[in-house]
Amino acid sequence: MTTGDDLVNGSRAALGTALFTGGSATPAEAAGPAGAAGRMLRGDGLPGTTVNGAAGNVAGGLTVDVRAGKDGSALAWDAGTNALTGGLGNTQNLVEDEKTAKGE
């Protein structure tokens, strides 16, 4: 890997995540699904933000992996890793945001 490859791959991952985020939130708002499905699509609350972070990170990772021509086992492994890190990252951000809002 070179720095240039890292920058290109990072920008592809960011594009995949951004497309997922924009692609799921906008229809969710327009359709107005109620209940748990609506909260998940909008990323509301802890479960919604966790699922949204996981899915967005998977979308970004798959964008890079498919472009790189990775095989099915690598795609599955990376998707699991991306789901875990994306979900945990969003959860941590939400917890910190709530602490800040409470003045902690």
Protein backbone atom coordinates (compact mmCIF):
# COMPACT_ATOMS: atom_id res chain seq x y z
CA MET A 1 0.00 0.00 0.00
CA THR A 2 1.04 3.51 -0.66
CA THR A 3 -0.26 6.73 0.74
CA GLY A 4 -1.98 7.41 -2.57
CA ASP A 5 -3.77 4.04 -2.44
CA ASP A 6 -4.86 4.75 1.13
CA LEU A 7 -6.30 8.12 0.11
CA VAL A 8 -8.13 6.64 -2.88
CA ASN A 9 -9.53 3.75 -0.84
CA GLY A 10 -10.52 6.07 1.98
CA SER A 11 -12.36 8.36 -0.40
CA ARG A 12 -14.18 5.38 -1.94
CA ALA A 13 -15.20 4.13 1.50
CA ALA A 14 -16.43 7.60 2.43
CA LEU A 15 -18.43 7.81 -0.80
CA GLY A 16 -20.05 4.42 -0.16
CA THR A 17 -20.96 5.43 3.39
CA ALA A 18 -22.31 8.80 2.25
CA LEU A 19 -24.45 7.18 -0.43
CA PHE A 20 -25.87 4.76 2.11
CA THR A 21 -26.52 7.49 4.65
CA GLY A 22 -28.23 9.80 2.17
CA GLY A 23 -29.99 6.92 0.51
CA SER A 24 -31.54 5.55 3.70
CA ALA A 25 -32.35 8.69 5.67
CA THR A 26 -34.08 10.58 2.88
CA PRO A 27 -36.57 7.80 1.97
CA ALA A 28 -37.11 7.12 5.67
CA GLU A 29 -38.10 10.73 6.23
CA ALA A 30 -40.26 10.84 3.10
CA ALA A 31 -42.04 7.55 3.80
CA GLY A 32 -42.35 8.26 7.50
CA PRO A 33 -42.25 4.64 8.69
CA ALA A 34 -43.37 4.32 12.26
CA GLY A 35 -42.06 2.25 15.12
CA ALA A 36 -38.74 0.45 15.27
CA ALA A 37 -38.27 0.35 11.49
CA GLY A 38 -38.54 4.12 11.22
CA ARG A 39 -36.16 4.70 14.11
CA MET A 40 -33.61 2.31 12.58
CA LEU A 41 -33.75 3.94 9.15
CA ARG A 42 -33.48 7.44 10.63
CA GLY A 43 -30.76 6.42 13.08
CA ASP A 44 -32.78 7.56 16.10
CA GLY A 45 -31.76 6.50 19.58
CA LEU A 46 -29.18 3.93 20.60
CA PRO A 47 -30.43 0.97 18.55
CA GLY A 48 -31.04 3.11 15.47
CA THR A 49 -27.68 4.81 15.56
CA THR A 50 -25.90 1.50 16.18
CA VAL A 51 -27.59 -0.24 13.25
CA ASN A 52 -27.14 2.80 11.04
CA GLY A 53 -23.44 3.03 11.88
CA ALA A 54 -22.93 -0.66 11.21
CA ALA A 55 -24.76 -0.57 7.89
CA GLY A 56 -23.06 2.63 6.76
CA ASN A 57 -19.63 1.25 7.56
CA VAL A 58 -20.42 -1.98 5.72
CA ALA A 59 -21.55 0.03 2.68
CA GLY A 60 -18.32 2.01 2.69
CA GLY A 61 -16.16 -1.07 3.12
CA LEU A 62 -17.95 -3.02 0.41
CA THR A 63 -17.46 -0.12 -1.98
CA VAL A 64 -13.70 -0.47 -1.57
CA ASP A 65 -13.67 -4.29 -1.45
CA VAL A 66 -15.78 -4.78 -4.58
CA ARG A 67 -13.66 -2.25 -6.47
CA ALA A 68 -10.55 -4.15 -5.35
CA GLY A 69 -12.03 -7.43 -6.59
CA LYS A 70 -11.97 -9.24 -3.25
CA ASP A 71 -13.51 -12.72 -3.08
CA GLY A 72 -16.58 -13.76 -1.10
CA SER A 73 -14.77 -14.84 2.05
CA ALA A 74 -12.84 -11.58 2.24
CA LEU A 75 -16.04 -9.62 1.62
CA ALA A 76 -17.83 -11.47 4.42
CA TRP A 77 -14.96 -11.01 6.88
CA ASP A 78 -14.60 -7.33 6.09
CA ALA A 79 -18.37 -6.79 6.28
CA GLY A 80 -18.42 -8.31 9.78
CA THR A 81 -15.49 -6.21 10.92
CA ASN A 82 -16.99 -3.07 9.38
CA ALA A 83 -20.38 -3.73 10.98
CA LEU A 84 -18.81 -4.16 14.40
CA THR A 85 -16.60 -1.08 14.21
CA GLY A 86 -19.29 1.11 12.62
CA GLY A 87 -21.88 0.12 15.20
CA LEU A 88 -19.52 0.60 18.12
CA GLY A 89 -18.26 3.91 16.75
CA ASN A 90 -21.73 5.34 16.35
CA THR A 91 -22.75 4.08 19.78
CA GLN A 92 -19.72 5.74 21.38
CA ASN A 93 -20.46 9.00 19.58
CA LEU A 94 -24.08 8.96 20.75
CA VAL A 95 -23.07 8.30 24.36
CA GLU A 96 -20.55 11.15 24.25
CA ASP A 97 -23.08 13.50 22.64
CA GLU A 98 -25.62 12.71 25.36
CA LYS A 99 -23.01 13.33 28.07
CA THR A 100 -22.14 16.67 26.51
CA ALA A 101 -25.81 17.64 26.29
CA LYS A 102 -26.18 16.91 30.01
CA GLY A 103 -23.09 18.95 30.83
CA GLU A 104 -21.05 15.98 32.03
